[in-house]
Amino acid sequence: MIRSFGERFGAAAGVRVFRAPGRVNLIGDHTDYNLGFVLPVALELATYVAVAPGTGGKLRIYSEDRQEMREFTAADAGWLSRAGDWTDYPMGVAHELAMAGFGIEPANLLIRSTVPEGAGLSSSAALEVSSALAFLNGRTVNGQSMRPLDLARLCQRAERDFVGLPCGIMDQYISVFGQEHRAVEIDCRSLGHRLVPLPPGVTFVAVNSMVKHALSGSAYRDRVAECAAAVSVMHAESPHVESLRDVAPGQLAQAAHLMPEIVARRARHVVTENARVNRFVDASLSGDLELMGRLMIDSHRSLQHDYQVSCAELDFLVDAALGMEGVLGSRMTGGGFGGCTVTLLRDEAAGRFRSQIAQAYHRQFHVIPLIYSCTPSAGAGEVKNFEIIPARN
């Protein structure tokens, strides 16, 4: 990347490279913006940004993947508006940094990513977090550097307020706080987390349906609004309820008749999904592989029928996987409407599974899916001497 940076911008002196990973969520989808629990892992798939000071008062951003260069006036970062393309993510971050008092200085940036877009593996958060580290480039305000949690929250604001997607904090949080060999259970209300070791002898594999989701569309916004409607009903019945996080399954069952059916179904997914995350963590800690698998299947059926964010391709991948030897569980992962499934299987079955699922999917849809190993990886940081210096330090 440093060599490529020099070829693009003419000089490579003082170049630093920052990395932020994508993620796969093992269980707990559409719970984060309801202040619930999620259990993602950071991936080896990541976005890298090489950066060095620029001249002429300009921010020059080059995307290797798109082979596109865009220029902005650095001093205008606080007054930027959406362009409706990929630059909204880094420039949304620049805007939020400027609003937080971290002045945006002239710089040249080169972006390279291995996180597939539209696959539900959080390419947007990886771009946001790596861009934020590049814009900061080690700088402080009044002698204070940005804390890791503040970094995640700022990047969430960039996607929520600038890009316009009413997302929770999971994607940005795991991109900052990911750890090797561990899943991270995030409490999306307290914004605390605990590290969860995964049992030996099993692996997680993501299968890309190659159907690109569009989370900024109306369906995602509708789900957010429907959950808010359920909270309003529950709050009227029980004033302590401030989010679906506060609702127990039995409590929801008693109040469901007060809601439109579709609202009750959305709430049922969120409430039961929070419970599944907690049970999944306990099962992982005790090595109960069968329960982990069943909870993944239950999660998918809930997303498929109650939350209605699956699609024919994702359902096929899940159903086909469950019929294959060595598979313990499978579910869609991420926002839905396309993207990936994540499958829990025994180590010795992984090679055979990759071949079988690719063949089955190609026969059904005439598309070859991409398949990724979900090896828990380090969170965001600077790449220095081929090692990652974590941002959380």
Protein backbone atom coordinates (compact mmCIF):
# COMPACT_ATOMS: atom_id res chain seq x y z
CA MET A 1 0.00 0.00 0.00
CA ILE A 2 2.84 2.39 0.74
CA ARG A 3 4.30 1.70 -2.69
CA SER A 4 0.89 2.18 -4.30
CA PHE A 5 0.41 5.38 -2.32
CA GLY A 6 3.70 6.73 -3.69
CA GLU A 7 2.70 5.89 -7.23
CA ARG A 8 -0.62 7.66 -6.79
CA PHE A 9 0.40 10.75 -4.83
CA GLY A 10 4.06 11.13 -5.80
CA ALA A 11 5.69 10.77 -2.37
CA ALA A 12 5.49 8.09 0.29
CA ALA A 13 7.43 9.76 3.10
CA GLY A 14 5.56 9.78 6.39
CA VAL A 15 2.82 7.43 5.19
CA ARG A 16 0.94 5.56 7.89
CA VAL A 17 -1.50 2.69 7.32
CA PHE A 18 -4.58 2.10 9.44
CA ARG A 19 -6.83 -0.96 9.43
CA ALA A 20 -10.38 -1.62 10.61
CA PRO A 21 -12.05 -5.03 10.28
CA GLY A 22 -15.44 -6.09 9.06
CA ARG A 23 -17.51 -8.37 11.24
CA VAL A 24 -19.82 -11.32 11.27
CA ASN A 25 -22.55 -11.40 13.88
CA LEU A 26 -22.91 -14.89 15.32
CA ILE A 27 -26.31 -14.13 16.87
CA GLY A 28 -28.31 -11.05 17.87
CA ASP A 29 -29.49 -9.20 14.77
CA HIS A 30 -31.69 -6.08 14.88
CA THR A 31 -31.25 -5.93 18.65
CA ASP A 32 -28.55 -3.25 18.74
CA TYR A 33 -30.78 -0.30 17.84
CA ASN A 34 -33.20 -1.69 20.44
CA LEU A 35 -30.44 -1.40 23.08
CA GLY A 36 -30.13 -5.16 23.45
CA PHE A 37 -27.35 -7.73 23.17
CA VAL A 38 -25.27 -8.84 20.19
CA LEU A 39 -22.41 -11.32 19.73
CA PRO A 40 -20.18 -10.42 16.77
CA VAL A 41 -16.59 -11.29 15.92
CA ALA A 42 -14.19 -9.04 14.04
CA LEU A 43 -12.93 -10.60 10.81
CA GLU A 44 -9.60 -10.79 9.05
CA LEU A 45 -11.40 -9.11 6.16
CA ALA A 46 -10.66 -5.42 6.65
CA THR A 47 -10.42 -1.94 5.15
CA TYR A 48 -6.99 -0.29 5.05
CA VAL A 49 -6.31 3.41 4.65
CA ALA A 50 -2.85 4.79 3.88
CA VAL A 51 -2.49 8.48 4.76
CA ALA A 52 0.07 11.27 4.67
CA PRO A 53 -0.20 15.07 4.99
CA GLY A 54 -1.39 16.81 1.83
CA THR A 55 -0.98 20.22 0.26
CA GLY A 56 -3.14 22.95 -1.20
CA GLY A 57 -5.72 22.74 1.57
CA LYS A 58 -7.21 19.59 0.01
CA LEU A 59 -8.35 16.17 1.10
CA ARG A 60 -7.63 13.76 -1.74
CA ILE A 61 -9.20 10.33 -1.33
CA TYR A 62 -8.49 7.52 -3.77
CA SER A 63 -10.37 4.20 -3.71
CA GLU A 64 -8.34 1.40 -5.27
CA ASP A 65 -11.41 -0.83 -5.47
CA ARG A 66 -13.40 1.72 -7.48
CA GLN A 67 -10.39 3.38 -9.11
CA GLU A 68 -11.91 6.75 -8.26
CA MET A 69 -10.33 9.91 -6.86
CA ARG A 70 -12.33 12.56 -5.04
CA GLU A 71 -11.15 15.93 -3.71
CA PHE A 72 -12.56 18.04 -0.90
CA THR A 73 -11.51 21.23 0.82
CA ALA A 74 -10.27 20.19 4.25
CA ALA A 75 -11.50 23.37 5.94
CA ASP A 76 -15.04 22.67 4.69
CA ALA A 77 -15.37 19.32 6.50
CA GLY A 78 -17.83 20.72 9.03
CA TRP A 79 -20.16 21.97 6.29
CA LEU A 80 -20.21 18.93 4.04
CA SER A 81 -23.45 17.40 2.80
CA ARG A 82 -24.22 13.96 1.41
CA ALA A 83 -23.09 13.09 -2.10
CA GLY A 84 -25.06 9.84 -2.29
CA ASP A 85 -22.03 7.65 -3.04
CA TRP A 86 -19.18 5.83 -1.28
CA THR A 87 -17.54 9.08 -0.19
CA ASP A 88 -20.39 9.70 2.26
CA TYR A 89 -18.77 7.26 4.70
CA PRO A 90 -15.29 8.83 5.01
CA MET A 91 -16.62 12.36 4.61
CA GLY A 92 -19.36 11.74 7.15
CA VAL A 93 -16.58 10.78 9.56
CA ALA A 94 -14.62 13.93 8.63
CA HIS A 95 -17.75 15.98 9.29
CA GLU A 96 -18.28 14.42 12.73
CA LEU A 97 -14.60 14.85 13.66
CA ALA A 98 -14.79 18.52 12.73
CA MET A 99 -17.92 18.92 14.85
CA ALA A 100 -16.10 17.24 17.77
CA GLY A 101 -13.22 19.72 17.57
CA PHE A 102 -10.72 17.52 15.75
CA GLY A 103 -9.85 19.83 12.86
CA ILE A 104 -9.49 18.11 9.49
CA GLU A 105 -6.12 18.85 7.96
CA PRO A 106 -5.09 18.54 4.28
CA ALA A 107 -4.20 14.92 3.56
CA ASN A 108 -3.92 12.28 0.89
CA LEU A 109 -5.72 8.99 1.54
CA LEU A 110 -5.59 5.71 -0.34
CA ILE A 111 -8.27 3.12 0.49
CA ARG A 112 -8.03 -0.62 -0.07
CA SER A 113 -10.57 -3.12 1.27
CA THR A 114 -11.10 -6.87 1.41
CA VAL A 115 -14.56 -6.56 3.02
CA PRO A 116 -17.16 -7.31 0.32
CA GLU A 117 -19.76 -4.57 -0.11
CA GLY A 118 -23.40 -5.42 0.42
CA ALA A 119 -22.60 -8.77 2.02
CA GLY A 120 -23.75 -7.90 5.52
CA LEU A 121 -20.17 -8.02 6.85
CA SER A 122 -20.07 -4.32 7.70
CA SER A 123 -17.94 -2.83 4.97
CA SER A 124 -19.35 0.60 5.84
CA ALA A 125 -18.21 0.51 9.49
CA ALA A 126 -14.79 -0.79 8.45
CA LEU A 127 -14.44 2.19 6.10
CA GLU A 128 -15.69 4.63 8.73
CA VAL A 129 -13.36 3.46 11.50
CA SER A 130 -10.26 3.17 9.30
CA SER A 131 -10.99 6.62 7.83
CA ALA A 132 -11.39 8.10 11.30
CA LEU A 133 -8.00 6.76 12.37
CA ALA A 134 -6.45 8.11 9.18
CA PHE A 135 -7.97 11.57 9.62
CA LEU A 136 -6.84 11.66 13.24
CA ASN A 137 -3.39 10.32 12.30
CA GLY A 138 -2.36 10.32 15.94
CA ARG A 139 -3.51 13.89 16.64
CA THR A 140 -5.13 15.08 19.86
CA VAL A 141 -7.37 17.94 20.98
CA ASN A 142 -6.13 19.85 24.04
CA GLY A 143 -3.68 17.02 24.62
CA GLN A 144 -6.43 14.39 24.68
CA SER A 145 -6.67 11.57 22.16
CA MET A 146 -10.02 10.10 21.21
CA ARG A 147 -11.06 7.22 23.43
CA PRO A 148 -11.93 3.95 21.66
CA LEU A 149 -15.58 4.07 22.72
CA ASP A 150 -15.86 7.68 21.56
CA LEU A 151 -14.33 6.62 18.23
CA ALA A 152 -17.01 3.94 17.78
CA ARG A 153 -19.79 6.34 18.74
CA LEU A 154 -18.52 9.04 16.39
CA CYS A 155 -18.44 6.60 13.49
CA GLN A 156 -21.97 5.48 14.34
CA ARG A 157 -23.10 9.12 14.22
CA ALA A 158 -21.50 9.46 10.79
CA GLU A 159 -23.60 6.59 9.46
CA ARG A 160 -26.76 7.51 11.35
CA ASP A 161 -26.79 11.30 11.01
CA PHE A 162 -24.72 11.96 7.88
CA VAL A 163 -25.34 8.89 5.70
CA GLY A 164 -28.88 8.61 7.02
CA LEU A 165 -29.15 4.99 8.20
CA PRO A 166 -30.71 4.70 11.70
CA CYS A 167 -28.25 2.00 12.76
CA GLY A 168 -27.20 0.71 16.15
CA ILE A 169 -23.63 0.72 17.36
CA MET A 170 -22.68 -2.94 16.89
CA ASP A 171 -20.73 -2.62 13.65
CA GLN A 172 -18.55 0.29 14.66
CA TYR A 173 -18.08 -1.10 18.18
CA ILE A 174 -16.80 -4.52 17.09
CA SER A 175 -14.58 -2.91 14.45
CA VAL A 176 -12.83 -1.01 17.28
CA PHE A 177 -12.97 -3.60 20.08
CA GLY A 178 -12.56 -6.90 18.22
CA GLN A 179 -10.13 -9.45 19.64
CA GLU A 180 -8.34 -12.45 18.25
CA HIS A 181 -9.79 -15.83 19.25
CA ARG A 182 -12.82 -14.25 20.93
CA ALA A 183 -16.36 -13.20 20.18
CA VAL A 184 -17.48 -9.98 21.86
CA GLU A 185 -20.83 -9.81 23.64
CA ILE A 186 -21.90 -6.16 23.51
CA ASP A 187 -24.49 -4.61 25.79
CA CYS A 188 -25.83 -1.93 23.44
CA ARG A 189 -27.34 0.08 26.29
CA SER A 190 -24.44 0.26 28.75
CA LEU A 191 -21.91 0.03 25.87
CA GLY A 192 -19.89 -2.42 27.91
CA HIS A 193 -18.76 -5.79 26.64
CA ARG A 194 -17.28 -9.11 27.64
CA LEU A 195 -15.03 -11.41 25.68
CA VAL A 196 -16.47 -14.83 24.91
CA PRO A 197 -14.17 -17.75 24.05
CA LEU A 198 -15.55 -20.07 21.38
CA PRO A 199 -15.47 -23.85 21.88
CA PRO A 200 -12.64 -25.87 20.31
CA GLY A 201 -13.32 -28.24 17.46
CA VAL A 202 -15.80 -26.04 15.61
CA THR A 203 -15.60 -23.22 13.12
CA PHE A 204 -17.89 -20.56 11.71
CA VAL A 205 -18.15 -20.03 7.96
CA ALA A 206 -19.92 -17.17 6.17
CA VAL A 207 -21.52 -17.83 2.78
CA ASN A 208 -22.25 -14.83 0.58
CA SER A 209 -25.54 -15.11 -1.28
CA MET A 210 -24.20 -12.45 -3.70
CA VAL A 211 -27.50 -10.63 -3.22
CA LYS A 212 -26.54 -7.11 -2.19
CA HIS A 213 -28.68 -5.62 0.50
CA ALA A 214 -29.68 -1.96 0.61
CA LEU A 215 -30.14 -1.16 4.28
CA SER A 216 -30.80 2.52 3.64
CA GLY A 217 -34.06 1.54 1.95
CA SER A 218 -37.47 1.84 3.51
CA ALA A 219 -37.60 -1.71 4.91
CA TYR A 220 -34.90 -1.05 7.49
CA ARG A 221 -36.48 2.24 8.52
CA ASP A 222 -39.83 0.51 8.79
CA ARG A 223 -38.40 -2.04 11.24
CA VAL A 224 -36.97 0.73 13.41
CA ALA A 225 -40.32 2.52 13.43
CA GLU A 226 -42.26 -0.69 14.18
CA CYS A 227 -40.03 -1.42 17.16
CA ALA A 228 -40.57 2.12 18.42
CA ALA A 229 -44.33 1.60 18.10
CA ALA A 230 -44.10 -1.54 20.22
CA VAL A 231 -42.14 0.34 22.88
CA SER A 232 -44.85 3.02 23.02
CA VAL A 233 -47.49 0.39 23.73
CA MET A 234 -45.37 -1.38 26.32
CA HIS A 235 -44.42 1.89 28.01
CA ALA A 236 -48.10 2.80 28.40
CA GLU A 237 -48.64 -0.52 30.15
CA SER A 238 -45.34 -0.56 32.09
CA PRO A 239 -43.71 2.88 32.46
CA HIS A 240 -40.28 1.37 33.18
CA VAL A 241 -40.09 0.10 29.57
CA GLU A 242 -37.86 2.44 27.60
CA SER A 243 -36.78 -0.01 24.90
CA LEU A 244 -37.55 -3.58 23.88
CA ARG A 245 -34.51 -4.51 25.96
CA ASP A 246 -36.75 -3.97 29.02
CA VAL A 247 -39.46 -6.40 27.88
CA ALA A 248 -39.63 -10.05 28.94
CA PRO A 249 -41.19 -12.62 26.57
CA GLY A 250 -44.14 -13.27 28.92
CA GLN A 251 -44.76 -9.57 29.34
CA LEU A 252 -44.88 -9.09 25.58
CA ALA A 253 -47.25 -12.03 25.14
CA GLN A 254 -49.71 -10.41 27.55
CA ALA A 255 -49.61 -7.06 25.76
CA ALA A 256 -49.41 -8.29 22.14
CA HIS A 257 -53.17 -7.93 21.60
CA LEU A 258 -52.79 -4.17 22.10
CA MET A 259 -50.52 -3.89 19.06
CA PRO A 260 -51.04 -4.34 15.34
CA GLU A 261 -50.03 -7.90 14.49
CA ILE A 262 -46.97 -6.84 12.48
CA VAL A 263 -45.70 -4.67 15.35
CA ALA A 264 -46.14 -7.54 17.82
CA ARG A 265 -44.18 -9.86 15.53
CA ARG A 266 -41.31 -7.38 15.20
CA ALA A 267 -41.18 -6.99 18.97
CA ARG A 268 -41.31 -10.75 19.49
CA HIS A 269 -38.22 -11.20 17.37
CA VAL A 270 -36.23 -8.60 19.30
CA VAL A 271 -37.31 -9.84 22.74
CA THR A 272 -36.63 -13.50 21.96
CA GLU A 273 -33.39 -12.67 20.14
CA ASN A 274 -31.99 -10.94 23.22
CA ALA A 275 -32.72 -14.09 25.20
CA ARG A 276 -31.06 -16.21 22.52
CA VAL A 277 -27.86 -14.16 22.70
CA ASN A 278 -27.58 -14.73 26.43
CA ARG A 279 -28.27 -18.44 26.10
CA PHE A 280 -25.81 -18.73 23.23
CA VAL A 281 -23.04 -17.14 25.32
CA ASP A 282 -23.73 -19.56 28.17
CA ALA A 283 -23.75 -22.48 25.73
CA SER A 284 -20.44 -21.37 24.24
CA LEU A 285 -18.84 -21.08 27.67
CA SER A 286 -20.04 -24.57 28.60
CA GLY A 287 -19.22 -26.11 25.21
CA ASP A 288 -22.83 -27.07 24.46
CA LEU A 289 -22.51 -27.21 20.67
CA GLU A 290 -25.96 -28.66 20.07
CA LEU A 291 -27.66 -25.81 21.92
CA MET A 292 -25.55 -23.23 20.08
CA GLY A 293 -26.70 -24.72 16.80
CA ARG A 294 -30.38 -24.82 17.79
CA LEU A 295 -30.28 -21.19 18.90
CA MET A 296 -28.83 -20.16 15.54
CA ILE A 297 -31.62 -21.97 13.72
CA ASP A 298 -34.27 -20.41 15.98
CA SER A 299 -32.72 -17.00 15.31
CA HIS A 300 -32.97 -17.47 11.57
CA ARG A 301 -36.60 -18.60 11.72
CA SER A 302 -37.43 -15.55 13.81
CA LEU A 303 -35.69 -13.23 11.34
CA GLN A 304 -37.38 -15.06 8.48
CA HIS A 305 -40.96 -15.08 9.78
CA ASP A 306 -41.34 -12.48 12.54
CA TYR A 307 -38.89 -9.79 11.41
CA GLN A 308 -39.16 -10.66 7.70
CA VAL A 309 -35.68 -9.55 6.68
CA SER A 310 -34.56 -12.77 5.03
CA CYS A 311 -34.93 -13.67 1.35
CA ALA A 312 -35.22 -16.82 -0.77
CA GLU A 313 -31.45 -17.06 -1.28
CA LEU A 314 -30.64 -16.80 2.43
CA ASP A 315 -33.36 -19.28 3.36
CA PHE A 316 -32.02 -21.73 0.79
CA LEU A 317 -28.47 -21.44 2.13
CA VAL A 318 -29.65 -22.08 5.68
CA ASP A 319 -31.89 -25.02 4.77
CA ALA A 320 -29.25 -26.60 2.53
CA ALA A 321 -26.57 -26.23 5.20
CA LEU A 322 -28.72 -27.89 7.84
CA GLY A 323 -28.89 -31.02 5.70
CA MET A 324 -25.12 -31.36 5.44
CA GLU A 325 -22.92 -33.55 7.62
CA GLY A 326 -21.09 -31.80 10.43
CA VAL A 327 -23.32 -28.71 10.44
CA LEU A 328 -24.66 -27.74 13.86
CA GLY A 329 -26.54 -24.56 13.02
CA SER A 330 -26.96 -21.83 10.42
CA ARG A 331 -28.63 -18.43 10.15
CA MET A 332 -28.64 -15.25 8.13
CA THR A 333 -26.35 -12.60 9.60
CA GLY A 334 -26.43 -8.83 9.45
CA GLY A 335 -29.25 -6.56 8.39
CA GLY A 336 -30.76 -8.99 5.92
CA PHE A 337 -32.47 -8.54 2.54
CA GLY A 338 -29.43 -10.36 1.11
CA GLY A 339 -25.85 -10.67 2.25
CA CYS A 340 -24.46 -13.67 4.12
CA THR A 341 -25.37 -16.63 6.23
CA VAL A 342 -23.13 -17.82 9.05
CA THR A 343 -22.87 -21.55 9.73
CA LEU A 344 -21.51 -23.38 12.79
CA LEU A 345 -19.89 -26.70 11.88
CA ARG A 346 -17.33 -29.17 13.09
CA ASP A 347 -13.76 -28.47 11.97
CA GLU A 348 -13.41 -31.69 9.99
CA ALA A 349 -16.51 -30.87 7.92
CA ALA A 350 -15.40 -27.41 6.80
CA GLY A 351 -13.73 -28.36 3.51
CA ARG A 352 -16.56 -30.62 2.42
CA PHE A 353 -19.15 -28.03 3.44
CA ARG A 354 -17.57 -25.34 1.28
CA SER A 355 -17.75 -27.54 -1.79
CA GLN A 356 -21.25 -28.86 -1.14
CA ILE A 357 -22.88 -25.53 -0.35
CA ALA A 358 -21.31 -23.86 -3.38
CA GLN A 359 -22.55 -26.62 -5.66
CA ALA A 360 -26.04 -26.63 -4.18
CA TYR A 361 -26.38 -22.86 -4.46
CA HIS A 362 -25.12 -22.83 -8.03
CA ARG A 363 -27.62 -25.50 -9.02
CA GLN A 364 -30.47 -23.52 -7.50
CA PHE A 365 -29.60 -19.95 -8.49
CA HIS A 366 -26.87 -20.29 -11.14
CA VAL A 367 -24.57 -18.17 -8.98
CA ILE A 368 -21.33 -19.21 -7.29
CA PRO A 369 -21.30 -17.91 -3.70
CA LEU A 370 -18.18 -16.55 -2.06
CA ILE A 371 -17.25 -18.25 1.19
CA TYR A 372 -15.26 -16.77 4.08
CA SER A 373 -13.68 -18.20 7.20
CA CYS A 374 -14.89 -16.35 10.29
CA THR A 375 -11.66 -16.34 12.26
CA PRO A 376 -11.94 -13.83 15.14
CA SER A 377 -9.50 -11.02 14.43
CA ALA A 378 -8.02 -7.98 16.12
CA GLY A 379 -9.89 -4.70 16.17
CA ALA A 380 -8.88 -1.47 14.47
CA GLY A 381 -5.44 0.04 14.72
CA GLU A 382 -2.30 1.09 12.92
CA VAL A 383 -0.45 -1.46 10.81
CA LYS A 384 3.21 -1.07 11.69
CA ASN A 385 5.99 -3.48 10.79
CA PHE A 386 3.27 -5.92 9.68
CA GLU A 387 1.67 -5.89 13.13
CA ILE A 388 -1.56 -4.22 14.26
CA ILE A 389 -1.21 -1.67 17.04
CA PRO A 390 -4.78 -1.67 18.45
CA ALA A 391 -6.63 1.63 18.64
CA ARG A 392 -8.05 0.55 22.01
CA ASN A 393 -4.54 0.90 23.50
